[in-house]
Structure formats: structure tokens, C-alpha cells
Protein backbone atom coordinates (compact mmCIF):
# COMPACT_ATOMS: atom_id res chain seq x y z
CA MET A 1 0.28 0.00 -0.21
CA GLY A 2 2.68 2.27 0.81
CA ARG A 3 4.65 1.86 -2.20
CA TYR A 4 1.37 2.46 -4.23
CA ILE A 5 0.94 6.00 -2.55
CA ILE A 6 4.12 7.07 -3.46
CA ARG A 7 4.08 5.82 -6.93
CA ARG A 8 0.54 7.23 -7.17
CA LEU A 9 2.34 10.37 -5.68
CA ILE A 10 5.25 10.66 -8.12
CA GLN A 11 3.05 10.05 -11.12
CA ALA A 12 1.01 13.28 -9.87
CA ILE A 13 3.88 15.68 -10.65
CA PRO A 14 3.96 15.56 -14.68
CA VAL A 15 -0.16 16.36 -14.60
CA LEU A 16 1.08 19.05 -11.84
CA LEU A 17 3.18 20.36 -14.03
CA GLY A 18 1.39 20.06 -17.21
CA SER A 19 -1.68 21.99 -15.67
CA THR A 20 0.06 24.84 -14.30
CA LEU A 21 2.20 25.34 -17.27
CA LEU A 22 -1.04 25.10 -19.57
CA ILE A 23 -2.58 28.00 -17.01
CA PHE A 24 0.59 29.82 -16.96
CA ALA A 25 0.89 29.96 -21.10
CA THR A 26 -2.65 31.02 -21.07
CA VAL A 27 -2.22 33.94 -18.58
CA PHE A 28 1.33 34.65 -20.31
CA VAL A 29 -0.61 35.45 -23.36
CA LEU A 30 -3.17 37.51 -22.66
CA PRO A 31 -2.88 41.10 -24.63
CA GLY A 32 -1.80 44.19 -22.16
CA ASP A 33 0.47 44.94 -19.37
CA PRO A 34 -0.36 43.58 -15.82
CA ILE A 35 1.43 46.40 -14.62
CA ALA A 36 0.00 49.20 -16.38
CA ALA A 37 -3.30 47.85 -15.55
CA LEU A 38 -2.47 48.59 -11.85
CA ALA A 39 -3.07 52.17 -12.57
CA GLY A 40 -6.55 51.89 -13.70
CA GLU A 41 -7.56 53.97 -16.34
CA LYS A 42 -4.80 56.87 -15.76
CA ARG A 43 -1.76 56.35 -17.30
CA ALA A 44 1.28 54.95 -15.51
CA ASP A 45 4.53 55.97 -15.30
CA PRO A 46 6.96 54.54 -17.77
CA THR A 47 9.72 54.64 -15.68
CA ILE A 48 8.04 52.69 -12.27
CA VAL A 49 6.48 49.82 -14.62
CA ALA A 50 9.76 49.18 -15.61
CA ILE A 51 11.15 48.96 -12.10
CA LEU A 52 8.12 46.83 -11.08
CA ARG A 53 8.67 44.87 -14.34
CA GLU A 54 12.01 44.02 -13.56
CA GLN A 55 11.11 43.89 -9.68
CA TYR A 56 8.35 41.07 -10.83
CA HIS A 57 10.46 39.02 -13.38
CA LEU A 58 8.03 39.98 -16.28
CA ASN A 59 10.98 40.65 -18.49
CA ASP A 60 12.44 37.37 -18.18
CA PRO A 61 11.46 34.83 -20.55
CA PHE A 62 8.38 32.66 -20.72
CA PHE A 63 9.56 29.67 -19.35
CA VAL A 64 12.32 31.43 -16.82
CA GLN A 65 9.17 32.78 -15.32
CA TYR A 66 7.56 29.17 -14.92
CA TRP A 67 10.75 28.06 -13.94
CA ASN A 68 10.92 30.33 -10.75
CA TYR A 69 6.68 29.68 -10.26
CA ILE A 70 7.06 25.86 -9.89
CA SER A 71 10.46 25.99 -8.34
CA GLY A 72 8.71 28.31 -5.45
CA VAL A 73 5.41 26.19 -5.38
CA PHE A 74 7.46 23.09 -4.36
CA GLN A 75 8.59 25.11 -1.34
CA GLY A 76 5.38 26.11 -0.57
CA ASN A 77 5.67 29.11 -2.19
CA PHE A 78 3.13 30.72 -4.17
CA GLY A 79 4.49 34.24 -5.13
CA ARG A 80 3.58 37.48 -4.47
CA THR A 81 0.40 39.68 -6.22
CA PHE A 82 1.61 42.74 -7.85
CA ALA A 83 0.32 44.61 -4.98
CA ASN A 84 3.23 43.02 -2.79
CA VAL A 85 0.67 40.64 -0.93
CA GLU A 86 1.77 37.03 -0.49
CA VAL A 87 -0.54 34.93 -2.38
CA SER A 88 -1.22 32.04 -0.19
CA GLU A 89 -2.46 34.70 3.03
CA ILE A 90 -5.36 36.10 0.37
CA MET A 91 -5.98 31.90 -0.44
CA ALA A 92 -5.86 31.11 3.00
CA GLY A 93 -8.94 32.29 4.46
CA LYS A 94 -10.99 32.07 0.97
CA PHE A 95 -9.97 28.37 -0.06
CA GLN A 96 -11.68 27.33 3.65
CA VAL A 97 -14.70 29.35 2.55
CA THR A 98 -14.94 27.41 -0.55
CA LEU A 99 -13.85 24.15 0.81
CA ASN A 100 -17.09 24.59 3.18
CA LEU A 101 -18.81 24.88 0.42
CA ALA A 102 -17.92 21.74 -1.87
CA MET A 103 -17.95 20.01 0.86
CA THR A 104 -21.50 20.67 1.64
CA ALA A 105 -22.22 20.65 -2.07
CA LEU A 106 -20.64 16.76 -1.84
CA ILE A 107 -22.64 15.94 0.90
CA LEU A 108 -25.94 16.95 -0.44
CA GLU A 109 -24.91 15.64 -3.89
CA ALA A 110 -24.37 12.07 -1.93
CA ILE A 111 -27.13 11.96 0.26
CA ILE A 112 -29.86 13.19 -2.19
CA GLY A 113 -27.97 11.51 -5.50
CA VAL A 114 -27.82 8.46 -4.16
CA GLY A 115 -31.15 7.92 -2.28
CA LEU A 116 -33.15 9.19 -5.53
CA GLY A 117 -30.76 6.58 -7.05
CA LEU A 118 -31.33 3.84 -5.04
CA TRP A 119 -35.00 4.73 -4.68
CA ALA A 120 -35.64 4.90 -8.43
CA ALA A 121 -33.83 1.11 -8.68
CA LEU A 122 -35.75 -0.65 -6.51
CA ARG A 123 -39.16 0.97 -8.16
CA ARG A 124 -37.49 0.61 -11.61
CA GLY A 125 -40.46 0.85 -14.37
CA LYS A 126 -42.81 2.57 -11.89
CA ALA A 127 -44.37 5.64 -11.63
CA THR A 128 -41.66 6.60 -9.14
CA ASP A 129 -38.42 5.81 -11.24
CA SER A 130 -40.32 7.25 -14.56
CA ALA A 131 -40.71 10.84 -11.87
CA ILE A 132 -36.75 10.59 -10.62
CA LEU A 133 -35.69 10.27 -14.22
CA ALA A 134 -37.87 13.05 -15.75
CA SER A 135 -36.91 15.47 -12.59
CA THR A 136 -32.91 14.81 -12.69
CA LEU A 137 -33.78 15.87 -16.59
CA VAL A 138 -34.73 19.09 -15.70
CA LEU A 139 -32.10 19.23 -13.22
CA ILE A 140 -29.47 19.31 -15.80
CA SER A 141 -31.36 21.43 -18.34
CA ILE A 142 -31.55 24.55 -15.84
CA PRO A 143 -28.40 26.84 -15.70
CA THR A 144 -27.01 27.29 -12.18
CA LEU A 145 -27.56 31.01 -12.76
CA VAL A 146 -30.92 30.50 -13.19
CA THR A 147 -31.54 27.96 -10.19
CA GLY A 148 -29.61 30.29 -7.91
CA PHE A 149 -31.79 33.56 -8.53
CA VAL A 150 -35.20 30.95 -8.22
CA LEU A 151 -33.91 29.86 -5.11
CA GLN A 152 -33.13 33.11 -3.84
CA LEU A 153 -35.96 34.52 -4.74
CA ILE A 154 -38.24 31.89 -3.44
CA LEU A 155 -36.08 31.50 0.39
CA GLY A 156 -35.05 34.84 0.71
CA VAL A 157 -38.11 37.04 -0.44
CA GLN A 158 -41.39 35.34 -0.57
CA LEU A 159 -41.26 32.55 2.31
CA LYS A 160 -39.53 35.49 4.13
CA GLN A 161 -42.22 38.01 3.61
CA SER A 162 -45.20 35.34 3.95
CA PHE A 163 -44.19 33.84 7.07
CA GLY A 164 -41.39 36.30 8.93
CA ILE A 165 -39.02 33.62 9.31
CA ASP A 166 -35.49 33.65 7.34
CA PHE A 167 -35.25 29.37 6.72
CA PHE A 168 -31.97 29.54 5.07
CA PRO A 169 -29.53 32.42 4.22
CA VAL A 170 -29.35 33.25 0.27
CA ALA A 171 -26.37 35.84 0.59
CA GLY A 172 -23.01 35.90 2.65
CA ILE A 173 -21.50 33.68 5.20
CA SER A 174 -22.79 35.07 8.43
CA GLU A 175 -24.95 32.10 9.60
CA GLY A 176 -22.23 29.26 9.94
CA TRP A 177 -23.08 26.49 8.22
CA ARG A 178 -26.67 27.41 7.59
CA SER A 179 -25.34 29.68 4.80
CA TYR A 180 -24.00 26.73 2.58
CA LEU A 181 -27.08 24.86 2.20
CA VAL A 182 -28.88 26.69 -0.56
CA PRO A 183 -25.37 27.83 -2.45
CA GLY A 184 -24.09 23.84 -1.74
CA PHE A 185 -27.39 22.78 -3.26
CA VAL A 186 -26.87 25.15 -6.16
CA LEU A 187 -23.37 24.33 -6.84
CA ALA A 188 -24.34 20.32 -6.70
CA GLY A 189 -27.48 20.59 -8.56
CA THR A 190 -26.25 18.82 -12.21
CA SER A 191 -24.00 16.97 -10.28
CA ILE A 192 -27.03 15.30 -8.24
CA ALA A 193 -28.67 14.74 -11.33
CA TYR A 194 -25.80 12.39 -12.93
CA LEU A 195 -25.17 10.53 -9.96
CA THR A 196 -29.01 9.97 -9.42
CA ARG A 197 -28.77 8.14 -13.04
CA LEU A 198 -25.44 6.64 -12.67
CA THR A 199 -26.29 4.74 -9.28
CA ARG A 200 -30.03 4.21 -10.50
CA THR A 201 -28.03 2.14 -13.34
CA SER A 202 -25.32 0.54 -11.25
CA LEU A 203 -27.40 -1.39 -8.79
CA VAL A 204 -29.83 -2.02 -11.74
CA GLU A 205 -26.93 -3.54 -13.17
CA THR A 206 -25.95 -5.51 -9.73
CA LEU A 207 -29.39 -6.62 -8.56
CA ARG A 208 -29.28 -8.52 -12.01
CA ALA A 209 -25.85 -10.45 -10.83
CA ASP A 210 -25.70 -14.14 -10.62
CA PHE A 211 -24.71 -13.59 -6.49
CA VAL A 212 -27.52 -11.24 -6.01
CA ARG A 213 -29.96 -13.84 -7.31
CA THR A 214 -28.07 -16.32 -5.34
CA ALA A 215 -28.47 -14.85 -1.99
CA VAL A 216 -32.30 -14.23 -2.76
CA ALA A 217 -32.79 -17.84 -3.77
CA LYS A 218 -30.95 -18.54 0.07
CA GLY A 219 -34.06 -16.77 1.54
CA MET A 220 -32.21 -13.64 2.54
CA SER A 221 -34.19 -10.70 3.06
CA ARG A 222 -34.92 -7.93 0.34
CA ARG A 223 -33.14 -5.46 2.79
CA ARG A 224 -30.48 -6.96 3.69
CA VAL A 225 -29.62 -8.45 -0.14
CA VAL A 226 -29.71 -4.67 -1.04
CA GLY A 227 -27.86 -3.18 1.58
CA ARG A 228 -25.05 -5.79 1.94
CA HIS A 229 -24.37 -7.30 -1.43
CA ALA A 230 -25.90 -5.30 -3.63
CA LEU A 231 -25.57 -1.72 -3.09
CA ARG A 232 -21.82 -2.35 -1.25
CA ASN A 233 -20.63 -3.31 -5.14
CA ALA A 234 -22.54 -0.55 -6.68
CA LEU A 235 -20.74 1.64 -4.83
CA ILE A 236 -17.37 1.78 -6.60
CA PRO A 237 -18.64 4.06 -9.67
CA MET A 238 -20.19 5.94 -7.56
CA VAL A 239 -17.54 6.88 -5.34
CA THR A 240 -15.38 7.43 -8.49
CA TYR A 241 -17.72 10.04 -9.65
CA LEU A 242 -17.90 11.73 -6.13
CA GLY A 243 -14.15 11.86 -5.61
CA ALA A 244 -13.50 13.40 -9.67
CA ASP A 245 -16.31 15.66 -8.72
CA LEU A 246 -14.98 17.44 -5.95
CA GLY A 247 -12.10 19.44 -7.82
CA THR A 248 -14.80 19.96 -10.48
CA LEU A 249 -17.54 21.49 -7.29
CA MET A 250 -14.51 23.76 -6.46
CA GLY A 251 -13.36 24.77 -10.01
CA GLY A 252 -17.07 25.75 -10.39
CA ALA A 253 -17.88 27.57 -7.40
CA VAL A 254 -17.35 30.90 -9.41
CA ILE A 255 -20.49 31.79 -10.44
CA THR A 256 -22.05 30.08 -7.06
CA GLU A 257 -19.62 32.05 -5.15
CA SER A 258 -20.86 35.20 -7.12
CA ILE A 259 -24.65 34.61 -7.19
CA PHE A 260 -24.63 34.14 -3.13
CA ASN A 261 -22.18 36.57 -2.85
CA ILE A 262 -19.48 34.28 -0.87
CA PRO A 263 -16.02 35.23 -0.32
CA GLY A 264 -13.77 32.19 -1.69
CA ILE A 265 -11.31 31.29 -3.93
CA GLY A 266 -14.13 31.77 -7.03
CA GLN A 267 -14.80 34.52 -6.40
CA GLU A 268 -11.14 35.73 -6.16
CA LEU A 269 -10.17 34.08 -9.18
CA PHE A 270 -13.04 36.04 -10.89
CA ARG A 271 -11.73 39.08 -9.72
CA SER A 272 -7.74 38.37 -10.02
CA VAL A 273 -8.54 37.39 -13.98
CA TYR A 274 -9.98 40.97 -14.45
CA GLU A 275 -7.50 42.91 -12.84
CA ARG A 276 -5.00 40.58 -14.14
CA GLN A 277 -3.36 39.15 -11.11
CA GLN A 278 -1.52 36.48 -12.91
CA PRO A 279 -0.03 35.14 -9.45
CA VAL A 280 -2.98 34.63 -7.95
CA VAL A 281 -4.78 33.10 -10.90
CA VAL A 282 -2.16 30.64 -11.47
CA GLY A 283 -2.01 30.17 -7.49
CA ILE A 284 -5.62 29.23 -6.95
CA VAL A 285 -5.59 26.93 -9.95
CA THR A 286 -2.38 25.25 -8.52
CA ILE A 287 -4.18 24.33 -4.75
CA LEU A 288 -7.22 23.39 -7.14
CA VAL A 289 -5.32 20.92 -8.95
CA LEU A 290 -3.38 19.63 -6.05
CA VAL A 291 -7.01 18.78 -4.33
CA TYR A 292 -8.47 17.31 -7.19
CA ILE A 293 -4.84 14.80 -7.36
CA LEU A 294 -5.85 14.39 -3.45
CA ALA A 295 -9.04 13.70 -4.26
CA ASN A 296 -8.97 10.84 -6.83
CA LEU A 297 -6.10 9.28 -4.75
CA ILE A 298 -8.39 8.57 -1.77
CA VAL A 299 -10.97 7.53 -4.05
CA ASP A 300 -8.39 5.02 -5.44
CA LEU A 301 -7.51 3.76 -1.74
CA LEU A 302 -11.57 3.40 -1.07
CA TYR A 303 -11.77 0.82 -3.58
CA ALA A 304 -10.19 -2.09 -1.45
CA VAL A 305 -12.29 -1.13 1.43
CA LEU A 306 -15.40 -1.25 -0.84
CA ASP A 307 -13.77 -4.51 -2.69
CA PRO A 308 -11.76 -6.70 -0.79
CA ARG A 309 -10.84 -8.42 -3.86
CA ILE A 310 -8.51 -5.23 -4.90
CA ARG A 311 -5.25 -5.51 -4.05
CA TYR A 312 -2.42 -2.41 -4.14
CA GLU A 313 1.09 -4.20 -5.21
């Protein structure tokens, strides 16, 4: 197991280098001068611009700039913004906020998606099954932007006016964990639909397997057959999807954080792209890549827990 983890971590290095190189190149080729952009609409002093460009090594060739950045990352240094602020300081608090949002979305996705998929699979071909499948298609087809504003209107305005109670906060994070429930559902909406369909398909196929028929023939109860045998074997594709989706949820938080005014790295990424803060953009993407790599490693290790036949040499 230990050698497998080390091998996977070594394999993750080219992924990290390739992804950061790609985003670094994308930011590098953007038109305009990021130092001159700091002055806004005013014309920046050419002398000051030249000094700052030299200070932040913007005159160096592309690969020299990238080497300076990536070598700093391996030392835990994500660089400094053009306002001379540590990128790690900017990301510290904001990363925790986005992680809270993504984990809330992941928990809601697992509970609702697996629950609805299980319900649909056990009632395959019935009205409940058809209703759940139809609702997932509706959820997939509605953009996140629309879902967010509709829930804000219903939960934050109409219900509050009707009952005088703030059921669910729909802006900011001042209410603690309750503040993440509605944004988390909006962020996970499409993923819930896909996981529901994946769970249903996987469980239906497993229920048709020979070992399930054998368990039923031995007289085991339906609950035990489904819970102990069928569901456990059907969990592998679900766990794979959930693990891969954690990085997707964190990366896709830009729109959700903007709708609900959540001060996370998604909102910071949008602002940094607009303001041409290259070090912040690359730093945030690097963190997201690392989260994605770690989540996939954890998923691979969970396979052996779900299926003892899997061994890592």
C-alpha cells in the first residue's frame, strides 16, 4: 500500500507540471501589461512600470518565469501579487470558505443523489422511477445561474415575507453552516442529477447479477440483499464520480459564489482574472489541481475497502 501511494504521488508530478504550465501559458499570452493595468484609467509612469516589471521578473522569458514559479511552489511559496501581498495569504481564508461550500455540496450530492438513485432502482419501471428520471433531466437542463436566482427569490424573499422567518440564508456566510446549504445545493444541482442516474443504472445492473440471485435463493431478506450485497458492489462507480467531482465543485464555485456573495476562491479567481493578477490566478488553479489529485488518490484507496478483492502491490 505504501509503495502504491508513493508511486501515485510521483505520477501526480507530471499532471501538476502540465496543468500549471498550461494555465501559466494562458495567462502569459493575455494582451496588455498587468503592471500598467494597476493604474486603472490613469496613464502609468513608464519609469515605475519598468521598475515593477523588473521587480516581478516580467521581462524574463516565459520558461524562466514558469521555472521561478514552479520551483517556489515546491517550496510552499506561491509568489506575490503585484500589490506585494503573499498569494498564500490571500488564498488561506478564501480557500477554507470554498472548501466548506464544496464539501456541503458533496454531502448533499451524496445523500440526495444516492438516495434518489436507490429509490428509483428499487422501483424500476414504476411511476416513481419515471418521475425521478424526469426530474433529473429538468435539473440538468436548468443553468446554475437560473437555479440560484430562483431559490434566492423563493427562500430569501417570498417565504420570508409570507412567514416572517428566515428559513435559509441566501447571501453571505454570516449564519455559519446554514449559509452554505442553499449555495451548496445550487452548486451540486447538476451533479445530483448525474449521480442519481448513475446510482440507478449501477444498482439495477448489480441486482441482475448472479450473486444477488443466489442470495435471494438462500432466503435472505430484500433489505439485507440490497444493503449488504448489491449496494456495496454498486458503490464503486459512485465513489469514483464523487471523488472526481470534488475538484469540479471547487472549480465551478465561481458562479455560485458570485450569486450568493460568498467570499471564496471562486470569487477571488474571477476578480483576479479581471484585474490581471497573474500570480493569484495561477496559484488558485495550482491549489485546485492539488485537491483534484488528492481526491482521486483517496478514491483509489477506498476501492480496497469497498471490494476486498482489490489489492495494491
